[in-house]
C-alpha atoms as a PDB file:
ATOM      1  CA  UNK A   1     -10.350 -45.149 -15.218  1.00  0.00           C
ATOM      2  CA  UNK A   2      -6.961 -43.392 -14.948  1.00  0.00           C
ATOM      3  CA  UNK A   3      -7.731 -41.154 -17.950  1.00  0.00           C
ATOM      4  CA  UNK A   4     -11.057 -40.111 -16.380  1.00  0.00           C
ATOM      5  CA  UNK A   5      -9.326 -39.388 -13.059  1.00  0.00           C
ATOM      6  CA  UNK A   6      -6.612 -37.280 -14.723  1.00  0.00           C
ATOM      7  CA  UNK A   7      -9.116 -35.302 -16.798  1.00  0.00           C
ATOM      8  CA  UNK A   8     -11.200 -34.547 -13.686  1.00  0.00           C
ATOM      9  CA  UNK A   9      -8.141 -33.685 -11.591  1.00  0.00           C
ATOM     10  CA  UNK A  10      -6.642 -31.345 -14.227  1.00  0.00           C
ATOM     11  CA  UNK A  11      -8.742 -28.302 -13.297  1.00  0.00           C
ATOM     12  CA  UNK A  12      -7.972 -28.746  -9.594  1.00  0.00           C
ATOM     13  CA  UNK A  13      -4.246 -28.975 -10.322  1.00  0.00           C
ATOM     14  CA  UNK A  14      -4.459 -25.831 -12.433  1.00  0.00           C
ATOM     15  CA  UNK A  15      -6.363 -24.025  -9.670  1.00  0.00           C
ATOM     16  CA  UNK A  16      -3.732 -25.044  -7.088  1.00  0.00           C
ATOM     17  CA  UNK A  17      -0.976 -23.885  -9.412  1.00  0.00           C
ATOM     18  CA  UNK A  18      -2.566 -20.457  -9.894  1.00  0.00           C
ATOM     19  CA  UNK A  19      -3.237 -20.000  -6.187  1.00  0.00           C
ATOM     20  CA  UNK A  20       0.428 -20.699  -5.391  1.00  0.00           C
ATOM     21  CA  UNK A  21       1.580 -17.697  -7.487  1.00  0.00           C
ATOM     22  CA  UNK A  22       2.127 -14.681  -5.283  1.00  0.00           C
ATOM     23  CA  UNK A  23       0.925 -16.461  -2.165  1.00  0.00           C
ATOM     24  CA  UNK A  24       0.729 -14.322   0.971  1.00  0.00           C
ATOM     25  CA  UNK A  25       1.445 -17.222   3.334  1.00  0.00           C
ATOM     26  CA  UNK A  26       4.438 -17.060   5.657  1.00  0.00           C
ATOM     27  CA  UNK A  27       6.200 -19.658   7.796  1.00  0.00           C
ATOM     28  CA  UNK A  28       5.323 -17.941  11.068  1.00  0.00           C
ATOM     29  CA  UNK A  29       1.575 -18.362  10.662  1.00  0.00           C
ATOM     30  CA  UNK A  30       0.018 -21.353  12.392  1.00  0.00           C
ATOM     31  CA  UNK A  31      -1.018 -24.198  10.108  1.00  0.00           C
ATOM     32  CA  UNK A  32      -4.764 -23.818  10.558  1.00  0.00           C
ATOM     33  CA  UNK A  33      -4.574 -20.154   9.622  1.00  0.00           C
ATOM     34  CA  UNK A  34      -2.593 -21.093   6.522  1.00  0.00           C
ATOM     35  CA  UNK A  35      -5.305 -23.545   5.510  1.00  0.00           C
ATOM     36  CA  UNK A  36      -8.052 -20.981   6.045  1.00  0.00           C
ATOM     37  CA  UNK A  37      -6.198 -18.275   4.125  1.00  0.00           C
ATOM     38  CA  UNK A  38      -5.311 -20.632   1.288  1.00  0.00           C
ATOM     39  CA  UNK A  39      -8.814 -22.062   0.964  1.00  0.00           C
ATOM     40  CA  UNK A  40     -10.705 -18.811   1.328  1.00  0.00           C
ATOM     41  CA  UNK A  41      -8.423 -16.299  -0.380  1.00  0.00           C
ATOM     42  CA  UNK A  42      -6.436 -18.445  -2.765  1.00  0.00           C
ATOM     43  CA  UNK A  43      -9.329 -20.348  -4.243  1.00  0.00           C
ATOM     44  CA  UNK A  44     -11.641 -17.348  -4.268  1.00  0.00           C
ATOM     45  CA  UNK A  45      -9.108 -15.211  -6.135  1.00  0.00           C
ATOM     46  CA  UNK A  46      -8.431 -17.961  -8.682  1.00  0.00           C
ATOM     47  CA  UNK A  47     -12.164 -18.410  -9.269  1.00  0.00           C
ATOM     48  CA  UNK A  48     -12.647 -14.629  -9.582  1.00  0.00           C
ATOM     49  CA  UNK A  49      -9.738 -14.427 -12.020  1.00  0.00           C
ATOM     50  CA  UNK A  50     -11.247 -17.216 -14.115  1.00  0.00           C
ATOM     51  CA  UNK A  51     -14.675 -15.534 -14.155  1.00  0.00           C
ATOM     52  CA  UNK A  52     -13.090 -12.168 -14.988  1.00  0.00           C
ATOM     53  CA  UNK A  53     -11.289 -13.760 -17.938  1.00  0.00           C
ATOM     54  CA  UNK A  54     -14.516 -15.340 -19.191  1.00  0.00           C
ATOM     55  CA  UNK A  55     -16.668 -12.232 -18.892  1.00  0.00           C
ATOM     56  CA  UNK A  56     -14.277  -9.479 -19.955  1.00  0.00           C
ATOM     57  CA  UNK A  57     -11.810 -11.376 -22.117  1.00  0.00           C
ATOM     58  CA  UNK A  58      -9.022  -9.624 -20.188  1.00  0.00           C
ATOM     59  CA  UNK A  59      -5.752 -11.572 -20.317  1.00  0.00           C
ATOM     60  CA  UNK A  60      -4.019 -10.191 -17.223  1.00  0.00           C
ATOM     61  CA  UNK A  61      -1.886 -12.561 -15.153  1.00  0.00           C
ATOM     62  CA  UNK A  62      -3.032 -13.868 -11.772  1.00  0.00           C
ATOM     63  CA  UNK A  63      -0.435 -11.701  -9.979  1.00  0.00           C
ATOM     64  CA  UNK A  64      -1.622  -8.540 -11.744  1.00  0.00           C
ATOM     65  CA  UNK A  65      -5.207  -9.537 -10.896  1.00  0.00           C
ATOM     66  CA  UNK A  66      -4.280  -9.897  -7.199  1.00  0.00           C
ATOM     67  CA  UNK A  67      -2.589  -6.485  -7.239  1.00  0.00           C
ATOM     68  CA  UNK A  68      -5.625  -4.862  -8.831  1.00  0.00           C
ATOM     69  CA  UNK A  69      -7.886  -6.386  -6.159  1.00  0.00           C
ATOM     70  CA  UNK A  70      -5.641  -5.065  -3.382  1.00  0.00           C
ATOM     71  CA  UNK A  71      -5.540  -1.587  -4.939  1.00  0.00           C
ATOM     72  CA  UNK A  72      -9.336  -1.527  -5.212  1.00  0.00           C
ATOM     73  CA  UNK A  73      -9.751  -2.713  -1.618  1.00  0.00           C
ATOM     74  CA  UNK A  74      -7.381  -0.025  -0.324  1.00  0.00           C
ATOM     75  CA  UNK A  75      -9.325   2.663  -2.141  1.00  0.00           C
ATOM     76  CA  UNK A  76      -7.976   6.014  -3.261  1.00  0.00           C
ATOM     77  CA  UNK A  77      -5.058   7.263  -1.191  1.00  0.00           C
ATOM     78  CA  UNK A  78      -5.942  10.900  -1.640  1.00  0.00           C
ATOM     79  CA  UNK A  79      -6.137  13.702   0.869  1.00  0.00           C
ATOM     80  CA  UNK A  80      -8.148  16.842   0.288  1.00  0.00           C
ATOM     81  CA  UNK A  81      -6.011  19.926   0.563  1.00  0.00           C
ATOM     82  CA  UNK A  82      -7.111  21.701   3.755  1.00  0.00           C
ATOM     83  CA  UNK A  83      -6.086  25.130   2.416  1.00  0.00           C
ATOM     84  CA  UNK A  84      -8.652  24.897  -0.383  1.00  0.00           C
ATOM     85  CA  UNK A  85     -11.348  23.687   2.023  1.00  0.00           C
ATOM     86  CA  UNK A  86     -10.717  26.626   4.363  1.00  0.00           C
ATOM     87  CA  UNK A  87     -10.926  29.158   1.526  1.00  0.00           C
ATOM     88  CA  UNK A  88     -14.243  27.678   0.367  1.00  0.00           C
ATOM     89  CA  UNK A  89     -13.118  27.013  -3.176  1.00  0.00           C
ATOM     90  CA  UNK A  90     -15.889  25.235  -5.063  1.00  0.00           C
ATOM     91  CA  UNK A  91     -13.638  22.849  -7.017  1.00  0.00           C
ATOM     92  CA  UNK A  92     -11.504  21.270  -4.332  1.00  0.00           C
ATOM     93  CA  UNK A  93      -8.134  20.117  -5.512  1.00  0.00           C
ATOM     94  CA  UNK A  94      -7.159  16.587  -4.586  1.00  0.00           C
ATOM     95  CA  UNK A  95      -3.534  16.020  -3.646  1.00  0.00           C
ATOM     96  CA  UNK A  96      -1.611  12.822  -3.202  1.00  0.00           C
ATOM     97  CA  UNK A  97       1.022  13.460  -0.561  1.00  0.00           C
ATOM     98  CA  UNK A  98       4.098  11.389  -1.326  1.00  0.00           C
ATOM     99  CA  UNK A  99       6.721  10.466   1.270  1.00  0.00           C
ATOM    100  CA  UNK A 100      10.026  10.437  -0.632  1.00  0.00           C
ATOM    101  CA  UNK A 101      13.720  10.108   0.135  1.00  0.00           C
ATOM    102  CA  UNK A 102      16.393  12.524  -1.097  1.00  0.00           C
ATOM    103  CA  UNK A 103      18.815  10.696  -3.410  1.00  0.00           C
ATOM    104  CA  UNK A 104      22.512  10.692  -2.654  1.00  0.00           C
ATOM    105  CA  UNK A 105      24.537  10.568   0.520  1.00  0.00           C
ATOM    106  CA  UNK A 106      22.446  10.667   3.683  1.00  0.00           C
ATOM    107  CA  UNK A 107      25.211  12.544   5.539  1.00  0.00           C
ATOM    108  CA  UNK A 108      24.986  15.492   3.176  1.00  0.00           C
ATOM    109  CA  UNK A 109      21.221  15.605   2.643  1.00  0.00           C
ATOM    110  CA  UNK A 110      20.034  15.373   6.263  1.00  0.00           C
ATOM    111  CA  UNK A 111      18.028  18.241   7.734  1.00  0.00           C
ATOM    112  CA  UNK A 112      15.778  18.694  10.744  1.00  0.00           C
ATOM    113  CA  UNK A 113      12.269  17.225  10.586  1.00  0.00           C
ATOM    114  CA  UNK A 114       9.714  20.061  10.416  1.00  0.00           C
ATOM    115  CA  UNK A 115       7.253  18.376  12.782  1.00  0.00           C
ATOM    116  CA  UNK A 116       9.868  17.573  15.419  1.00  0.00           C
ATOM    117  CA  UNK A 117      11.335  21.086  15.114  1.00  0.00           C
ATOM    118  CA  UNK A 118       7.898  22.657  15.697  1.00  0.00           C
ATOM    119  CA  UNK A 119       7.457  20.463  18.789  1.00  0.00           C
ATOM    120  CA  UNK A 120      10.855  21.693  20.028  1.00  0.00           C
ATOM    121  CA  UNK A 121       9.826  25.302  19.395  1.00  0.00           C
ATOM    122  CA  UNK A 122       6.707  24.791  21.513  1.00  0.00           C
ATOM    123  CA  UNK A 123       8.789  23.213  24.295  1.00  0.00           C
ATOM    124  CA  UNK A 124       7.198  19.774  23.942  1.00  0.00           C
ATOM    125  CA  UNK A 125      10.476  17.939  23.278  1.00  0.00           C
ATOM    126  CA  UNK A 126      14.167  18.759  23.881  1.00  0.00           C
ATOM    127  CA  UNK A 127      16.496  19.624  21.003  1.00  0.00           C
ATOM    128  CA  UNK A 128      18.270  16.283  21.332  1.00  0.00           C
ATOM    129  CA  UNK A 129      15.019  14.546  20.265  1.00  0.00           C
ATOM    130  CA  UNK A 130      14.639  16.524  17.024  1.00  0.00           C
ATOM    131  CA  UNK A 131      15.365  14.077  14.211  1.00  0.00           C
ATOM    132  CA  UNK A 132      17.527  14.746  11.172  1.00  0.00           C
ATOM    133  CA  UNK A 133      15.997  13.075   8.126  1.00  0.00           C
ATOM    134  CA  UNK A 134      16.467  12.640   4.380  1.00  0.00           C
ATOM    135  CA  UNK A 135      12.755  12.165   3.694  1.00  0.00           C
ATOM    136  CA  UNK A 136      10.277  14.820   2.612  1.00  0.00           C
ATOM    137  CA  UNK A 137       6.716  15.395   1.380  1.00  0.00           C
ATOM    138  CA  UNK A 138       6.810  15.911  -2.369  1.00  0.00           C
ATOM    139  CA  UNK A 139       3.424  17.666  -2.624  1.00  0.00           C
ATOM    140  CA  UNK A 140       3.578  20.142   0.268  1.00  0.00           C
ATOM    141  CA  UNK A 141       4.718  23.684  -0.462  1.00  0.00           C
ATOM    142  CA  UNK A 142       8.476  24.009  -0.014  1.00  0.00           C
ATOM    143  CA  UNK A 143       8.873  20.211   0.167  1.00  0.00           C
ATOM    144  CA  UNK A 144       9.356  20.111   3.953  1.00  0.00           C
ATOM    145  CA  UNK A 145      11.414  17.386   5.598  1.00  0.00           C
ATOM    146  CA  UNK A 146       9.445  14.932   7.741  1.00  0.00           C
ATOM    147  CA  UNK A 147      10.187  11.821   9.760  1.00  0.00           C
ATOM    148  CA  UNK A 148       7.582   9.080   9.300  1.00  0.00           C
ATOM    149  CA  UNK A 149       5.718   9.875  12.544  1.00  0.00           C
ATOM    150  CA  UNK A 150       5.449  13.591  11.781  1.00  0.00           C
ATOM    151  CA  UNK A 151       4.485  12.927   8.152  1.00  0.00           C
ATOM    152  CA  UNK A 152       1.595  10.718   9.274  1.00  0.00           C
ATOM    153  CA  UNK A 153       0.532  13.273  11.895  1.00  0.00           C
ATOM    154  CA  UNK A 154       0.644  16.188   9.431  1.00  0.00           C
ATOM    155  CA  UNK A 155      -1.239  14.309   6.706  1.00  0.00           C
ATOM    156  CA  UNK A 156      -3.861  12.383   8.643  1.00  0.00           C
ATOM    157  CA  UNK A 157      -7.350  12.167   7.175  1.00  0.00           C
ATOM    158  CA  UNK A 158      -9.984  13.719   9.428  1.00  0.00           C
END
Protein backbone atom coordinates (compact mmCIF):
# COMPACT_ATOMS: atom_id res chain seq x y z
CA UNK A 1 0.00 0.00 0.00
CA UNK A 2 2.87 2.40 0.80
CA UNK A 3 4.57 1.70 -2.54
CA UNK A 4 1.32 2.45 -4.41
CA UNK A 5 0.86 5.68 -2.43
CA UNK A 6 4.44 6.83 -3.13
CA UNK A 7 4.20 6.04 -6.85
CA UNK A 8 0.93 7.99 -7.12
CA UNK A 9 2.25 10.90 -5.05
CA UNK A 10 5.51 11.20 -7.03
CA UNK A 11 4.06 13.26 -9.89
CA UNK A 12 2.36 15.65 -7.47
CA UNK A 13 5.61 16.14 -5.56
CA UNK A 14 7.43 16.81 -8.82
CA UNK A 15 4.75 19.31 -9.87
CA UNK A 16 5.02 21.13 -6.52
CA UNK A 17 8.79 21.21 -6.84
CA UNK A 18 8.65 22.74 -10.32
CA UNK A 19 6.05 25.32 -9.33
CA UNK A 20 8.24 26.48 -6.43
CA UNK A 21 11.08 27.48 -8.82
CA UNK A 22 10.90 31.17 -9.60
CA UNK A 23 7.71 31.67 -7.62
CA UNK A 24 6.21 35.16 -7.78
CA UNK A 25 4.68 34.97 -4.30
CA UNK A 26 5.66 37.53 -1.68
CA UNK A 27 5.14 37.72 2.08
CA UNK A 28 2.93 40.80 1.89
CA UNK A 29 0.18 39.11 -0.10
CA UNK A 30 -2.75 37.75 1.89
CA UNK A 31 -2.86 33.97 2.24
CA UNK A 32 -5.93 33.40 0.08
CA UNK A 33 -4.37 35.33 -2.78
CA UNK A 34 -1.23 33.23 -2.43
CA UNK A 35 -3.30 30.06 -2.71
CA UNK A 36 -5.13 31.33 -5.78
CA UNK A 37 -1.93 32.46 -7.49
CA UNK A 38 -0.12 29.23 -6.65
CA UNK A 39 -2.97 26.98 -7.77
CA UNK A 40 -3.88 28.87 -10.91
CA UNK A 41 -0.52 30.14 -12.15
CA UNK A 42 1.92 27.69 -10.64
CA UNK A 43 0.12 24.53 -11.61
CA UNK A 44 -0.95 25.86 -14.99
CA UNK A 45 2.61 26.84 -15.91
CA UNK A 46 4.00 23.48 -14.78
CA UNK A 47 1.36 21.65 -16.83
CA UNK A 48 2.06 23.87 -19.86
CA UNK A 49 5.79 23.27 -19.48
CA UNK A 50 5.21 19.51 -19.35
CA UNK A 51 2.99 19.60 -22.45
CA UNK A 52 5.49 21.82 -24.27
CA UNK A 53 8.25 19.31 -23.50
CA UNK A 54 6.13 16.42 -24.79
CA UNK A 55 5.03 18.09 -28.01
CA UNK A 56 8.15 19.99 -29.06
CA UNK A 57 10.88 18.00 -27.35
CA UNK A 58 12.30 21.32 -26.12
CA UNK A 59 14.44 20.90 -23.00
CA UNK A 60 14.28 24.43 -21.58
CA UNK A 61 14.14 24.83 -17.80
CA UNK A 62 10.95 25.84 -16.00
CA UNK A 63 12.40 29.30 -15.23
CA UNK A 64 13.27 29.92 -18.89
CA UNK A 65 9.77 28.72 -19.82
CA UNK A 66 8.21 31.22 -17.37
CA UNK A 67 10.34 34.03 -18.80
CA UNK A 68 9.32 33.16 -22.35
CA UNK A 69 5.64 33.21 -21.35
CA UNK A 70 6.04 36.64 -19.74
CA UNK A 71 7.86 38.01 -22.80
CA UNK A 72 5.10 36.72 -25.09
CA UNK A 73 2.38 38.18 -22.87
CA UNK A 74 4.07 41.59 -22.81
CA UNK A 75 4.28 41.63 -26.59
CA UNK A 76 6.77 43.57 -28.67
CA UNK A 77 8.09 46.69 -26.96
CA UNK A 78 8.53 48.60 -30.17
CA UNK A 79 7.55 52.12 -31.08
CA UNK A 80 7.08 53.27 -34.65
CA UNK A 81 9.29 56.20 -35.46
CA UNK A 82 6.97 59.21 -35.85
CA UNK A 83 9.36 60.96 -38.27
CA UNK A 84 8.98 58.16 -40.81
CA UNK A 85 5.19 58.12 -40.39
CA UNK A 86 4.98 61.88 -41.01
CA UNK A 87 7.10 61.65 -44.17
CA UNK A 88 4.88 58.87 -45.53
CA UNK A 89 7.68 56.40 -46.05
CA UNK A 90 6.24 53.09 -47.23
CA UNK A 91 8.57 50.84 -45.20
CA UNK A 92 8.26 52.20 -41.70
CA UNK A 93 11.29 51.65 -39.55
CA UNK A 94 10.67 50.15 -36.13
CA UNK A 95 12.77 51.49 -33.29
CA UNK A 96 13.24 50.18 -29.79
CA UNK A 97 13.86 53.17 -27.56
CA UNK A 98 16.20 52.18 -24.75
CA UNK A 99 16.47 54.08 -21.46
CA UNK A 100 20.14 53.79 -20.46
CA UNK A 101 22.46 55.20 -17.81
CA UNK A 102 25.82 56.83 -18.55
CA UNK A 103 28.62 54.78 -16.98
CA UNK A 104 31.03 56.40 -14.57
CA UNK A 105 30.68 59.04 -11.90
CA UNK A 106 27.22 60.58 -11.70
CA UNK A 107 28.70 63.93 -10.61
CA UNK A 108 30.62 64.30 -13.86
CA UNK A 109 28.05 62.89 -16.28
CA UNK A 110 24.94 64.78 -15.14
CA UNK A 111 23.20 67.11 -17.58
CA UNK A 112 19.79 68.74 -17.78
CA UNK A 113 16.83 66.57 -18.80
CA UNK A 114 15.63 67.62 -22.27
CA UNK A 115 11.93 67.30 -21.40
CA UNK A 116 12.20 69.30 -18.19
CA UNK A 117 14.34 71.93 -19.94
CA UNK A 118 11.71 72.35 -22.68
CA UNK A 119 9.03 72.78 -20.00
CA UNK A 120 11.20 75.47 -18.39
CA UNK A 121 11.63 77.20 -21.75
CA UNK A 122 7.85 77.32 -22.18
CA UNK A 123 7.44 78.72 -18.66
CA UNK A 124 5.62 75.66 -17.33
CA UNK A 125 8.11 74.96 -14.52
CA UNK A 126 10.79 77.04 -12.75
CA UNK A 127 14.49 76.42 -13.36
CA UNK A 128 14.88 74.90 -9.90
CA UNK A 129 12.60 72.02 -11.00
CA UNK A 130 14.69 71.09 -14.06
CA UNK A 131 16.34 67.77 -13.24
CA UNK A 132 19.96 66.86 -13.87
CA UNK A 133 20.19 63.23 -14.96
CA UNK A 134 22.66 60.58 -16.10
CA UNK A 135 20.09 58.68 -18.16
CA UNK A 136 19.44 59.02 -21.88
CA UNK A 137 17.56 57.51 -24.83
CA UNK A 138 19.97 55.39 -26.84
CA UNK A 139 17.92 55.40 -30.07
CA UNK A 140 16.91 59.06 -30.38
CA UNK A 141 19.06 61.33 -32.53
CA UNK A 142 21.77 62.99 -30.45
CA UNK A 143 21.07 60.64 -27.51
CA UNK A 144 19.18 63.24 -25.45
CA UNK A 145 19.16 63.10 -21.66
CA UNK A 146 15.80 62.26 -20.09
CA UNK A 147 14.44 61.70 -16.60
CA UNK A 148 12.06 58.74 -16.37
CA UNK A 149 8.89 60.87 -16.48
CA UNK A 150 10.01 62.82 -19.56
CA UNK A 151 11.26 59.66 -21.29
CA UNK A 152 7.84 58.02 -20.86
CA UNK A 153 6.07 61.19 -22.04
CA UNK A 154 8.30 61.57 -25.11
CA UNK A 155 8.02 57.91 -26.11
CA UNK A 156 4.40 57.09 -25.36
CA UNK A 157 2.53 54.91 -27.83
CA UNK A 158 -0.48 56.67 -29.35
